[in-house]
Amino acid sequence: MSMKTLNAVALGSAGAITSAGGMLVLGLLGNFGLYTGAVTMMGQWHASFSLSIGGIIGGMLEAAIISFIILYVFALVYNWLLTKSKN
């Protein structure tokens, strides 16, 4: 079985885009009074997030950066382990 390496930048970027999109949707829905529990949790977990325009954009940037870093490092570790298992 041939395993392929992960493109770390592509995986990190996909995670960043997805996370930023999720934060945008949550911010918009929160302004309509929906998913208030999730909005409260996001406010506790992300220092930049709030229901203002600046807070939504800040939350999107924070989520994108964190997600990119985590998934980029994940891909690097995965690729490293994959090369170790081939030897």
Protein backbone atom coordinates (compact mmCIF):
# COMPACT_ATOMS: atom_id res chain seq x y z
CA MET A 1 0.00 0.00 0.00
CA SER A 2 1.52 3.29 -1.10
CA MET A 3 0.98 6.20 1.27
CA LYS A 4 1.17 9.76 0.01
CA THR A 5 2.59 12.69 1.87
CA LEU A 6 0.37 15.58 2.86
CA ASN A 7 0.86 19.05 1.42
CA ALA A 8 1.27 20.95 4.69
CA VAL A 9 0.50 24.39 3.25
CA ALA A 10 -2.63 23.17 1.46
CA LEU A 11 -3.92 21.38 4.56
CA GLY A 12 -3.21 24.38 6.77
CA SER A 13 -4.83 26.74 4.31
CA ALA A 14 -7.94 24.58 4.01
CA GLY A 15 -8.28 24.53 7.77
CA ALA A 16 -7.77 28.29 7.99
CA ILE A 17 -10.43 29.01 5.38
CA THR A 18 -12.89 26.58 6.97
CA SER A 19 -12.32 27.97 10.47
CA ALA A 20 -12.65 31.58 9.35
CA GLY A 21 -15.86 30.72 7.49
CA GLY A 22 -17.28 28.99 10.54
CA MET A 23 -16.45 31.97 12.72
CA LEU A 24 -18.13 34.31 10.20
CA VAL A 25 -21.30 32.20 10.13
CA LEU A 26 -21.36 31.97 13.92
CA GLY A 27 -20.91 35.72 14.25
CA LEU A 28 -23.69 36.47 11.78
CA LEU A 29 -26.09 33.97 13.35
CA GLY A 30 -25.22 35.26 16.81
CA ASN A 31 -26.28 38.74 15.75
CA PHE A 32 -29.70 37.29 14.91
CA GLY A 33 -29.94 35.74 18.37
CA LEU A 34 -29.25 32.19 17.20
CA TYR A 35 -26.73 29.77 18.72
CA THR A 36 -26.13 32.05 21.70
CA GLY A 37 -24.52 29.22 23.66
CA ALA A 38 -21.94 28.66 20.93
CA VAL A 39 -21.36 32.42 20.67
CA THR A 40 -20.71 32.57 24.41
CA MET A 41 -18.23 29.69 24.17
CA MET A 42 -16.42 31.29 21.23
CA GLY A 43 -16.14 34.52 23.21
CA GLN A 44 -14.53 32.56 26.04
CA TRP A 45 -12.18 30.57 23.82
CA HIS A 46 -11.10 33.30 21.40
CA ALA A 47 -9.77 36.56 22.81
CA SER A 48 -10.65 38.51 19.66
CA PHE A 49 -14.20 37.26 19.07
CA SER A 50 -17.33 39.29 19.78
CA LEU A 51 -20.52 40.05 17.89
CA SER A 52 -19.27 43.41 16.57
CA ILE A 53 -17.89 43.64 13.03
CA GLY A 54 -14.37 44.05 14.41
CA GLY A 55 -14.90 41.16 16.82
CA ILE A 56 -16.10 38.85 14.06
CA ILE A 57 -13.15 39.77 11.82
CA GLY A 58 -10.74 39.41 14.75
CA GLY A 59 -12.22 36.02 15.60
CA MET A 60 -11.94 34.94 11.98
CA LEU A 61 -8.27 35.92 11.86
CA GLU A 62 -7.50 34.26 15.18
CA ALA A 63 -9.28 31.03 14.21
CA ALA A 64 -7.59 31.00 10.80
CA ILE A 65 -4.11 31.46 12.24
CA ILE A 66 -4.58 28.86 14.97
CA SER A 67 -6.08 26.33 12.54
CA PHE A 68 -3.34 26.89 9.97
CA ILE A 69 -0.59 26.33 12.53
CA ILE A 70 -2.18 23.22 14.03
CA LEU A 71 -2.88 21.55 10.68
CA TYR A 72 0.47 22.59 9.20
CA VAL A 73 2.32 21.00 12.13
CA PHE A 74 0.03 17.96 11.92
CA ALA A 75 0.99 17.46 8.25
CA LEU A 76 4.70 17.86 9.04
CA VAL A 77 4.50 15.25 11.81
CA TYR A 78 2.42 12.92 9.61
CA ASN A 79 4.91 13.20 6.75
CA TRP A 80 7.84 12.65 9.15
CA LEU A 81 6.19 9.53 10.57
CA LEU A 82 5.40 8.31 7.09
CA THR A 83 9.05 8.53 6.05
CA LYS A 84 10.12 6.76 9.26
CA SER A 85 7.74 3.87 8.61
CA LYS A 86 9.13 3.38 5.08
CA ASN A 87 12.65 2.83 6.41
